[in-house]
Amino acid sequence: MKFFKNNYIISLEGIDGSGKTTQCKLLLDFLKKNNIKVRIIGRRFIFSTLISLFFSTDVIISDRYIHTLHIYLNHKGVKNKLVKKILNMFEKPKIVFHLDIDIKEAKKRIEKRGKRKEKYETTEGLRIFYNGYNKCFEKGNKVYKIYKINAKNKKQVIHKDISRITLNEIKKLKN
């Protein structure tokens, strides 16, 4: 069984504090204004995945997706064969945006939130995912496109890049 079969999935990946949630919301609004049926999943990955199966949509924006799950499962010691079986249940994304930011800057952003830190928002937790993303994306991928985005830029600059790339990729698909 595959989740999201035949949907156009856009994944935003990056460590906590990189701006994924903000960019997902901005991209959602942008695509809706361009008359594209769109839905966001993420944060509570499994629950939102199951709920989204019941809605008709053209594009799914994922605030974290299979790359984060891969890094997390490997960190927890789940064997690679099992990880691959689990990840193969999910449709591959068409586009991955890797919001790249250094750990020091991410920690500043997390502190600004004024909320209690989650488990992986510590220096060590951020380092696990920072290294994991870099390892995942260093070789590129033949199935989907990976765009490395400098997440230190202002949110509107990042949004402009992500929106432009997304619209161009969706137009290619329709042609």
N, C-alpha and C. Protein backbone atom coordinates (compact mmCIF):
# COMPACT_ATOMS: atom_id res chain seq x y z
N MET A 1 0.84 -1.19 0.00
CA MET A 1 0.00 0.00 0.00
C MET A 1 0.88 1.24 0.00
N LYS A 2 0.55 2.18 -0.85
CA LYS A 2 1.28 3.46 -0.90
C LYS A 2 0.39 4.57 -0.38
N PHE A 3 0.98 5.46 0.41
CA PHE A 3 0.27 6.65 0.86
C PHE A 3 0.42 7.72 -0.22
N PHE A 4 -0.63 8.50 -0.47
CA PHE A 4 -0.64 9.63 -1.40
C PHE A 4 -0.37 9.23 -2.85
N LYS A 5 -0.76 8.06 -3.24
CA LYS A 5 -0.48 7.60 -4.60
C LYS A 5 -0.92 8.63 -5.63
N ASN A 6 0.01 8.96 -6.52
CA ASN A 6 -0.22 9.87 -7.66
C ASN A 6 -0.45 11.33 -7.26
N ASN A 7 -0.17 11.71 -6.06
CA ASN A 7 -0.23 13.13 -5.71
C ASN A 7 1.13 13.77 -5.94
N TYR A 8 1.11 15.07 -6.15
CA TYR A 8 2.33 15.85 -6.34
C TYR A 8 2.77 16.32 -4.96
N ILE A 9 3.82 15.72 -4.45
CA ILE A 9 4.28 16.01 -3.10
C ILE A 9 5.50 16.92 -3.12
N ILE A 10 5.41 17.97 -2.34
CA ILE A 10 6.53 18.91 -2.15
C ILE A 10 6.93 18.80 -0.69
N SER A 11 8.18 18.47 -0.46
CA SER A 11 8.66 18.28 0.91
C SER A 11 9.61 19.41 1.29
N LEU A 12 9.39 19.97 2.48
CA LEU A 12 10.32 20.94 3.04
C LEU A 12 11.01 20.28 4.21
N GLU A 13 12.32 20.15 4.10
CA GLU A 13 13.13 19.46 5.10
C GLU A 13 14.16 20.43 5.66
N GLY A 14 14.51 20.24 6.91
CA GLY A 14 15.53 21.05 7.55
C GLY A 14 15.42 20.92 9.05
N ILE A 15 16.45 21.36 9.73
CA ILE A 15 16.45 21.25 11.19
C ILE A 15 15.43 22.22 11.79
N ASP A 16 15.08 21.98 13.05
CA ASP A 16 14.19 22.90 13.76
C ASP A 16 14.79 24.30 13.70
N GLY A 17 13.93 25.28 13.48
CA GLY A 17 14.39 26.66 13.41
C GLY A 17 14.81 27.10 12.02
N SER A 18 14.66 26.22 11.02
CA SER A 18 15.08 26.58 9.66
C SER A 18 13.99 27.31 8.89
N GLY A 19 12.75 27.31 9.41
CA GLY A 19 11.67 28.04 8.75
C GLY A 19 10.72 27.18 7.93
N LYS A 20 10.75 25.87 8.13
CA LYS A 20 9.90 24.96 7.34
C LYS A 20 8.41 25.28 7.47
N THR A 21 7.94 25.41 8.69
CA THR A 21 6.51 25.64 8.93
C THR A 21 6.07 26.96 8.32
N THR A 22 6.87 27.99 8.49
CA THR A 22 6.57 29.30 7.90
C THR A 22 6.49 29.20 6.38
N GLN A 23 7.47 28.54 5.77
CA GLN A 23 7.49 28.43 4.31
C GLN A 23 6.36 27.55 3.79
N CYS A 24 5.98 26.53 4.54
CA CYS A 24 4.83 25.70 4.14
C CYS A 24 3.56 26.54 4.07
N LYS A 25 3.36 27.37 5.08
CA LYS A 25 2.16 28.21 5.11
C LYS A 25 2.17 29.24 3.98
N LEU A 26 3.31 29.84 3.73
CA LEU A 26 3.42 30.81 2.63
C LEU A 26 3.18 30.14 1.28
N LEU A 27 3.73 28.94 1.10
CA LEU A 27 3.55 28.22 -0.16
C LEU A 27 2.09 27.79 -0.33
N LEU A 28 1.46 27.37 0.74
CA LEU A 28 0.04 27.01 0.71
C LEU A 28 -0.80 28.18 0.19
N ASP A 29 -0.61 29.34 0.78
CA ASP A 29 -1.36 30.54 0.36
C ASP A 29 -1.08 30.89 -1.10
N PHE A 30 0.18 30.80 -1.49
CA PHE A 30 0.57 31.12 -2.87
C PHE A 30 -0.11 30.18 -3.87
N LEU A 31 -0.08 28.88 -3.59
CA LEU A 31 -0.68 27.91 -4.51
C LEU A 31 -2.20 28.06 -4.57
N LYS A 32 -2.81 28.33 -3.43
CA LYS A 32 -4.26 28.55 -3.43
C LYS A 32 -4.62 29.75 -4.30
N LYS A 33 -3.83 30.82 -4.21
CA LYS A 33 -4.08 32.01 -5.03
C LYS A 33 -3.91 31.72 -6.52
N ASN A 34 -3.15 30.65 -6.82
CA ASN A 34 -2.95 30.23 -8.21
C ASN A 34 -3.89 29.09 -8.59
N ASN A 35 -4.99 28.96 -7.83
CA ASN A 35 -6.04 27.98 -8.11
C ASN A 35 -5.56 26.53 -8.15
N ILE A 36 -4.63 26.20 -7.28
CA ILE A 36 -4.15 24.82 -7.17
C ILE A 36 -4.69 24.24 -5.87
N LYS A 37 -5.34 23.07 -5.97
CA LYS A 37 -5.85 22.41 -4.76
C LYS A 37 -4.65 21.86 -3.99
N VAL A 38 -4.52 22.31 -2.75
CA VAL A 38 -3.32 22.00 -1.98
C VAL A 38 -3.66 21.72 -0.52
N ARG A 39 -2.85 20.89 0.11
CA ARG A 39 -3.02 20.55 1.52
C ARG A 39 -1.63 20.41 2.15
N ILE A 40 -1.52 20.81 3.41
CA ILE A 40 -0.26 20.65 4.16
C ILE A 40 -0.39 19.46 5.09
N ILE A 41 0.68 18.67 5.15
CA ILE A 41 0.79 17.64 6.17
C ILE A 41 2.09 17.89 6.94
N GLY A 42 2.23 17.25 8.06
CA GLY A 42 3.49 17.34 8.78
C GLY A 42 3.29 17.53 10.26
N ARG A 43 4.34 17.91 10.92
CA ARG A 43 4.39 18.10 12.37
C ARG A 43 3.96 16.83 13.10
N ARG A 44 2.76 16.44 13.02
CA ARG A 44 2.30 15.16 13.58
C ARG A 44 2.12 14.23 12.39
N PHE A 45 3.22 13.79 11.85
CA PHE A 45 3.35 13.18 10.54
C PHE A 45 2.36 12.05 10.27
N ILE A 46 2.32 11.04 11.10
CA ILE A 46 1.48 9.88 10.82
C ILE A 46 0.00 10.26 10.84
N PHE A 47 -0.43 11.01 11.85
CA PHE A 47 -1.83 11.38 11.95
C PHE A 47 -2.26 12.23 10.75
N SER A 48 -1.47 13.25 10.42
CA SER A 48 -1.85 14.11 9.30
C SER A 48 -1.78 13.36 7.97
N THR A 49 -0.90 12.38 7.87
CA THR A 49 -0.82 11.55 6.67
C THR A 49 -2.12 10.79 6.47
N LEU A 50 -2.60 10.14 7.52
CA LEU A 50 -3.83 9.36 7.44
C LEU A 50 -5.04 10.24 7.14
N ILE A 51 -5.13 11.39 7.79
CA ILE A 51 -6.24 12.31 7.55
C ILE A 51 -6.25 12.79 6.11
N SER A 52 -5.07 13.11 5.56
CA SER A 52 -4.98 13.65 4.20
C SER A 52 -5.39 12.66 3.13
N LEU A 53 -5.38 11.38 3.45
CA LEU A 53 -5.80 10.38 2.48
C LEU A 53 -7.27 10.54 2.09
N PHE A 54 -8.04 11.20 2.94
CA PHE A 54 -9.47 11.34 2.71
C PHE A 54 -9.85 12.58 1.90
N PHE A 55 -8.88 13.40 1.54
CA PHE A 55 -9.17 14.65 0.84
C PHE A 55 -8.59 14.63 -0.56
N SER A 56 -9.36 15.14 -1.50
CA SER A 56 -8.90 15.26 -2.87
C SER A 56 -8.02 16.51 -2.98
N THR A 57 -6.87 16.36 -3.55
CA THR A 57 -5.96 17.50 -3.68
C THR A 57 -5.02 17.27 -4.85
N ASP A 58 -4.48 18.34 -5.41
CA ASP A 58 -3.51 18.25 -6.49
C ASP A 58 -2.09 18.18 -5.94
N VAL A 59 -1.84 18.98 -4.90
CA VAL A 59 -0.50 19.11 -4.35
C VAL A 59 -0.56 18.91 -2.84
N ILE A 60 0.41 18.18 -2.34
CA ILE A 60 0.58 18.03 -0.90
C ILE A 60 1.91 18.67 -0.53
N ILE A 61 1.85 19.59 0.41
CA ILE A 61 3.06 20.21 0.94
C ILE A 61 3.33 19.52 2.27
N SER A 62 4.52 19.01 2.42
CA SER A 62 4.85 18.29 3.64
C SER A 62 5.89 19.04 4.46
N ASP A 63 5.50 19.40 5.68
CA ASP A 63 6.40 20.02 6.66
C ASP A 63 7.15 18.86 7.31
N ARG A 64 8.21 18.45 6.66
CA ARG A 64 8.98 17.24 6.94
C ARG A 64 8.30 16.08 6.23
N TYR A 65 9.13 15.12 5.81
CA TYR A 65 8.54 13.96 5.13
C TYR A 65 9.47 12.77 5.33
N ILE A 66 9.72 12.02 4.28
CA ILE A 66 10.43 10.75 4.44
C ILE A 66 11.89 10.91 4.87
N HIS A 67 12.52 12.03 4.54
CA HIS A 67 13.92 12.21 4.92
C HIS A 67 14.04 12.35 6.44
N THR A 68 13.14 13.12 7.04
CA THR A 68 13.16 13.29 8.49
C THR A 68 12.86 11.95 9.16
N LEU A 69 11.90 11.23 8.63
CA LEU A 69 11.56 9.93 9.18
C LEU A 69 12.75 8.97 9.09
N HIS A 70 13.44 9.00 7.96
CA HIS A 70 14.63 8.17 7.76
C HIS A 70 15.71 8.49 8.82
N ILE A 71 16.00 9.77 8.99
CA ILE A 71 17.03 10.17 9.96
C ILE A 71 16.61 9.76 11.37
N TYR A 72 15.36 9.99 11.71
CA TYR A 72 14.86 9.65 13.05
C TYR A 72 14.94 8.14 13.30
N LEU A 73 14.46 7.34 12.36
CA LEU A 73 14.48 5.88 12.55
C LEU A 73 15.91 5.35 12.66
N ASN A 74 16.81 5.87 11.82
CA ASN A 74 18.22 5.46 11.92
C ASN A 74 18.82 5.84 13.26
N HIS A 75 18.50 7.04 13.73
CA HIS A 75 19.00 7.50 15.03
C HIS A 75 18.51 6.60 16.16
N LYS A 76 17.28 6.11 16.02
CA LYS A 76 16.69 5.24 17.04
C LYS A 76 17.17 3.79 16.91
N GLY A 77 18.00 3.51 15.91
CA GLY A 77 18.57 2.18 15.77
C GLY A 77 17.72 1.19 14.99
N VAL A 78 16.70 1.69 14.30
CA VAL A 78 15.89 0.80 13.48
C VAL A 78 16.75 0.37 12.29
N LYS A 79 16.80 -0.92 12.04
CA LYS A 79 17.67 -1.46 10.99
C LYS A 79 17.30 -0.92 9.61
N ASN A 80 18.32 -0.78 8.75
CA ASN A 80 18.13 -0.18 7.43
C ASN A 80 17.10 -0.88 6.56
N LYS A 81 17.02 -2.20 6.58
CA LYS A 81 16.04 -2.91 5.75
C LYS A 81 14.63 -2.55 6.16
N LEU A 82 14.40 -2.47 7.46
CA LEU A 82 13.08 -2.10 7.95
C LEU A 82 12.77 -0.64 7.61
N VAL A 83 13.76 0.23 7.75
CA VAL A 83 13.59 1.64 7.40
C VAL A 83 13.17 1.76 5.93
N LYS A 84 13.86 1.04 5.06
CA LYS A 84 13.53 1.09 3.63
C LYS A 84 12.11 0.60 3.37
N LYS A 85 11.70 -0.47 4.03
CA LYS A 85 10.33 -0.97 3.85
C LYS A 85 9.30 0.06 4.28
N ILE A 86 9.56 0.70 5.42
CA ILE A 86 8.63 1.73 5.92
C ILE A 86 8.58 2.91 4.95
N LEU A 87 9.73 3.38 4.53
CA LEU A 87 9.78 4.55 3.64
C LEU A 87 9.21 4.26 2.26
N ASN A 88 9.28 3.03 1.81
CA ASN A 88 8.72 2.67 0.50
C ASN A 88 7.19 2.67 0.50
N MET A 89 6.58 2.76 1.68
CA MET A 89 5.12 2.86 1.76
C MET A 89 4.64 4.25 1.31
N PHE A 90 5.54 5.21 1.29
CA PHE A 90 5.17 6.58 0.97
C PHE A 90 5.59 6.93 -0.45
N GLU A 91 4.70 7.62 -1.13
CA GLU A 91 5.01 8.12 -2.47
C GLU A 91 6.21 9.06 -2.36
N LYS A 92 7.09 8.98 -3.33
CA LYS A 92 8.27 9.86 -3.32
C LYS A 92 7.83 11.28 -3.65
N PRO A 93 8.49 12.26 -3.05
CA PRO A 93 8.15 13.65 -3.38
C PRO A 93 8.63 13.98 -4.80
N LYS A 94 8.01 14.99 -5.39
CA LYS A 94 8.47 15.47 -6.70
C LYS A 94 9.57 16.51 -6.52
N ILE A 95 9.43 17.30 -5.45
CA ILE A 95 10.42 18.34 -5.12
C ILE A 95 10.73 18.24 -3.64
N VAL A 96 12.01 18.40 -3.31
CA VAL A 96 12.43 18.53 -1.92
C VAL A 96 13.17 19.85 -1.79
N PHE A 97 12.71 20.67 -0.85
CA PHE A 97 13.43 21.89 -0.50
C PHE A 97 14.16 21.62 0.81
N HIS A 98 15.47 21.68 0.74
CA HIS A 98 16.28 21.52 1.95
C HIS A 98 16.60 22.92 2.48
N LEU A 99 15.92 23.32 3.54
CA LEU A 99 16.15 24.62 4.15
C LEU A 99 17.38 24.50 5.05
N ASP A 100 18.49 24.95 4.52
CA ASP A 100 19.78 24.76 5.17
C ASP A 100 20.13 25.97 6.03
N ILE A 101 20.43 25.71 7.29
CA ILE A 101 20.80 26.76 8.22
C ILE A 101 21.77 26.18 9.23
N ASP A 102 22.70 26.98 9.71
CA ASP A 102 23.63 26.44 10.69
C ASP A 102 22.95 26.32 12.07
N ILE A 103 23.50 25.47 12.87
CA ILE A 103 22.91 25.14 14.17
C ILE A 103 22.83 26.37 15.08
N LYS A 104 23.84 27.19 15.06
CA LYS A 104 23.87 28.38 15.92
C LYS A 104 22.70 29.32 15.60
N GLU A 105 22.46 29.57 14.32
CA GLU A 105 21.35 30.43 13.90
C GLU A 105 20.00 29.79 14.22
N ALA A 106 19.89 28.50 14.02
CA ALA A 106 18.64 27.79 14.33
C ALA A 106 18.33 27.89 15.82
N LYS A 107 19.35 27.76 16.65
CA LYS A 107 19.14 27.86 18.10
C LYS A 107 18.63 29.25 18.49
N LYS A 108 19.14 30.30 17.84
CA LYS A 108 18.66 31.66 18.11
C LYS A 108 17.18 31.78 17.79
N ARG A 109 16.78 31.22 16.66
CA ARG A 109 15.37 31.27 16.26
C ARG A 109 14.48 30.50 17.24
N ILE A 110 14.96 29.36 17.66
CA ILE A 110 14.20 28.54 18.61
C ILE A 110 14.03 29.28 19.93
N GLU A 111 15.10 29.94 20.38
CA GLU A 111 15.04 30.72 21.63
C GLU A 111 14.02 31.85 21.52
N LYS A 112 13.96 32.50 20.37
CA LYS A 112 13.03 33.61 20.15
C LYS A 112 11.57 33.20 20.31
N ARG A 113 11.28 31.95 20.05
CA ARG A 113 9.90 31.47 20.16
C ARG A 113 9.37 31.58 21.59
N GLY A 114 10.28 31.45 22.55
CA GLY A 114 9.88 31.55 23.95
C GLY A 114 9.08 30.35 24.45
N LYS A 115 9.15 29.25 23.72
CA LYS A 115 8.43 28.04 24.12
C LYS A 115 9.40 27.03 24.72
N ARG A 116 8.83 26.06 25.39
CA ARG A 116 9.66 24.98 25.94
C ARG A 116 10.28 24.22 24.77
N LYS A 117 11.57 23.94 24.87
CA LYS A 117 12.27 23.23 23.80
C LYS A 117 11.84 21.77 23.74
N GLU A 118 11.71 21.30 22.51
CA GLU A 118 11.43 19.89 22.30
C GLU A 118 12.75 19.12 22.34
N LYS A 119 12.64 17.81 22.37
CA LYS A 119 13.79 16.93 22.54
C LYS A 119 14.92 17.19 21.54
N TYR A 120 14.59 17.40 20.27
CA TYR A 120 15.62 17.55 19.25
C TYR A 120 15.98 19.01 18.98
N GLU A 121 15.55 19.92 19.84
CA GLU A 121 15.91 21.33 19.68
C GLU A 121 17.13 21.70 20.53
N THR A 122 17.80 20.72 21.05
CA THR A 122 19.07 20.93 21.75
C THR A 122 20.19 20.94 20.72
N THR A 123 21.37 21.37 21.13
CA THR A 123 22.51 21.37 20.20
C THR A 123 22.74 19.97 19.65
N GLU A 124 22.72 18.97 20.51
CA GLU A 124 22.95 17.59 20.07
C GLU A 124 21.85 17.12 19.12
N GLY A 125 20.60 17.40 19.46
CA GLY A 125 19.48 17.01 18.59
C GLY A 125 19.55 17.69 17.23
N LEU A 126 19.85 18.98 17.24
CA LEU A 126 19.99 19.70 15.97
C LEU A 126 21.14 19.13 15.15
N ARG A 127 22.22 18.77 15.82
CA ARG A 127 23.38 18.21 15.12
C ARG A 127 23.03 16.86 14.46
N ILE A 128 22.25 16.03 15.14
CA ILE A 128 21.84 14.73 14.57
C ILE A 128 21.13 14.96 13.24
N PHE A 129 20.17 15.88 13.23
CA PHE A 129 19.41 16.12 12.01
C PHE A 129 20.19 16.91 10.97
N TYR A 130 21.00 17.87 11.41
CA TYR A 130 21.84 18.64 10.48
C TYR A 130 22.74 17.68 9.68
N ASN A 131 23.43 16.81 10.40
CA ASN A 131 24.32 15.84 9.74
C ASN A 131 23.51 14.85 8.89
N GLY A 132 22.36 14.45 9.40
CA GLY A 132 21.51 13.51 8.66
C GLY A 132 21.03 14.08 7.34
N TYR A 133 20.56 15.33 7.36
CA TYR A 133 20.10 15.95 6.11
C TYR A 133 21.24 16.09 5.12
N ASN A 134 22.39 16.54 5.61
CA ASN A 134 23.51 16.71 4.69
C ASN A 134 23.91 15.37 4.06
N LYS A 135 23.87 14.31 4.84
CA LYS A 135 24.18 12.98 4.30
C LYS A 135 23.12 12.54 3.28
N CYS A 136 21.85 12.76 3.60
CA CYS A 136 20.75 12.39 2.70
C CYS A 136 20.86 13.09 1.35
N PHE A 137 21.22 14.36 1.38
CA PHE A 137 21.14 15.18 0.18
C PHE A 137 22.46 15.35 -0.56
N GLU A 138 23.57 14.84 -0.03
CA GLU A 138 24.87 15.09 -0.65
C GLU A 138 25.00 14.46 -2.03
N LYS A 139 24.32 13.35 -2.28
CA LYS A 139 24.45 12.66 -3.55
C LYS A 139 23.40 13.07 -4.57
N GLY A 140 22.39 13.81 -4.14
CA GLY A 140 21.29 14.15 -5.04
C GLY A 140 20.36 12.96 -5.17
N ASN A 141 19.47 13.02 -6.14
CA ASN A 141 18.50 11.95 -6.31
C ASN A 141 18.00 11.94 -7.74
N LYS A 142 17.77 10.76 -8.28
CA LYS A 142 17.28 10.64 -9.66
C LYS A 142 15.77 10.66 -9.73
N VAL A 143 15.08 10.39 -8.62
CA VAL A 143 13.62 10.30 -8.61
C VAL A 143 12.98 11.68 -8.45
N TYR A 144 13.59 12.54 -7.66
CA TYR A 144 13.02 13.86 -7.40
C TYR A 144 14.14 14.90 -7.35
N LYS A 145 13.73 16.15 -7.48
CA LYS A 145 14.70 17.24 -7.46
C LYS A 145 14.87 17.76 -6.05
N ILE A 146 16.12 18.03 -5.70
CA ILE A 146 16.44 18.59 -4.39
C ILE A 146 16.99 19.99 -4.60
N TYR A 147 16.36 20.95 -3.94
CA TYR A 147 16.80 22.34 -4.01
C TYR A 147 17.29 22.74 -2.62
N LYS A 148 18.55 23.10 -2.55
CA LYS A 148 19.11 23.57 -1.28
C LYS A 148 18.86 25.06 -1.19
N ILE A 149 18.17 25.47 -0.14
CA ILE A 149 17.78 26.87 0.06
C ILE A 149 18.53 27.41 1.27
N ASN A 150 19.13 28.58 1.12
CA ASN A 150 19.82 29.21 2.24
C ASN A 150 18.76 29.78 3.19
N ALA A 151 18.52 29.10 4.29
CA ALA A 151 17.46 29.48 5.23
C ALA A 151 17.85 30.66 6.12
N LYS A 152 19.05 31.18 5.96
CA LYS A 152 19.43 32.39 6.70
C LYS A 152 18.85 33.65 6.05
N ASN A 153 18.42 33.52 4.79
CA ASN A 153 17.82 34.66 4.10
C ASN A 153 16.50 35.06 4.76
N LYS A 154 16.03 36.24 4.42
CA LYS A 154 14.73 36.70 4.93
C LYS A 154 13.63 35.79 4.39
N LYS A 155 12.55 35.63 5.18
CA LYS A 155 11.50 34.68 4.81
C LYS A 155 10.86 35.01 3.46
N GLN A 156 10.74 36.28 3.10
CA GLN A 156 10.13 36.64 1.82
C GLN A 156 11.05 36.27 0.64
N VAL A 157 12.35 36.36 0.83
CA VAL A 157 13.30 35.97 -0.21
C VAL A 157 13.22 34.46 -0.43
N ILE A 158 13.18 33.73 0.66
CA ILE A 158 13.07 32.27 0.58
C ILE A 158 11.75 31.89 -0.10
N HIS A 159 10.67 32.54 0.33
CA HIS A 159 9.34 32.25 -0.24
C HIS A 159 9.33 32.51 -1.75
N LYS A 160 9.93 33.59 -2.17
CA LYS A 160 9.97 33.92 -3.59
C LYS A 160 10.67 32.82 -4.38
N ASP A 161 11.79 32.33 -3.87
CA ASP A 161 12.53 31.24 -4.54
C ASP A 161 11.71 29.96 -4.58
N ILE A 162 11.14 29.58 -3.44
CA ILE A 162 10.36 28.34 -3.37
C ILE A 162 9.13 28.42 -4.27
N SER A 163 8.44 29.55 -4.27
CA SER A 163 7.24 29.71 -5.10
C SER A 163 7.58 29.64 -6.59
N ARG A 164 8.63 30.31 -6.98
CA ARG A 164 9.05 30.32 -8.39
C ARG A 164 9.40 28.90 -8.84
N ILE A 165 10.21 28.22 -8.06
CA ILE A 165 10.62 26.85 -8.41
C ILE A 165 9.41 25.94 -8.48
N THR A 166 8.53 26.02 -7.49
CA THR A 166 7.35 25.17 -7.44
C THR A 166 6.46 25.38 -8.65
N LEU A 167 6.17 26.63 -8.96
CA LEU A 167 5.31 26.93 -10.10
C LEU A 167 5.93 26.42 -11.41
N ASN A 168 7.23 26.61 -11.58
CA ASN A 168 7.92 26.12 -12.78
C ASN A 168 7.83 24.59 -12.88
N GLU A 169 8.02 23.91 -11.77
CA GLU A 169 7.97 22.44 -11.78
C GLU A 169 6.56 21.93 -12.06
N ILE A 170 5.56 22.57 -11.49
CA ILE A 170 4.17 22.17 -11.72
C ILE A 170 3.79 22.41 -13.18
N LYS A 171 4.25 23.52 -13.76
CA LYS A 171 3.97 23.81 -15.16
C LYS A 171 4.59 22.75 -16.07
N LYS A 172 5.81 22.30 -15.74
CA LYS A 172 6.48 21.25 -16.52
C LYS A 172 5.65 19.97 -16.51
N LEU A 173 5.08 19.67 -15.37
CA LEU A 173 4.27 18.47 -15.22
C LEU A 173 3.03 18.50 -16.09
N LYS A 174 2.42 19.69 -16.20
CA LYS A 174 1.19 19.84 -16.98
C LYS A 174 1.45 19.79 -18.48
N ASN A 175 2.68 20.08 -18.90
CA ASN A 175 3.01 20.10 -20.35
C ASN A 175 3.37 18.73 -20.86
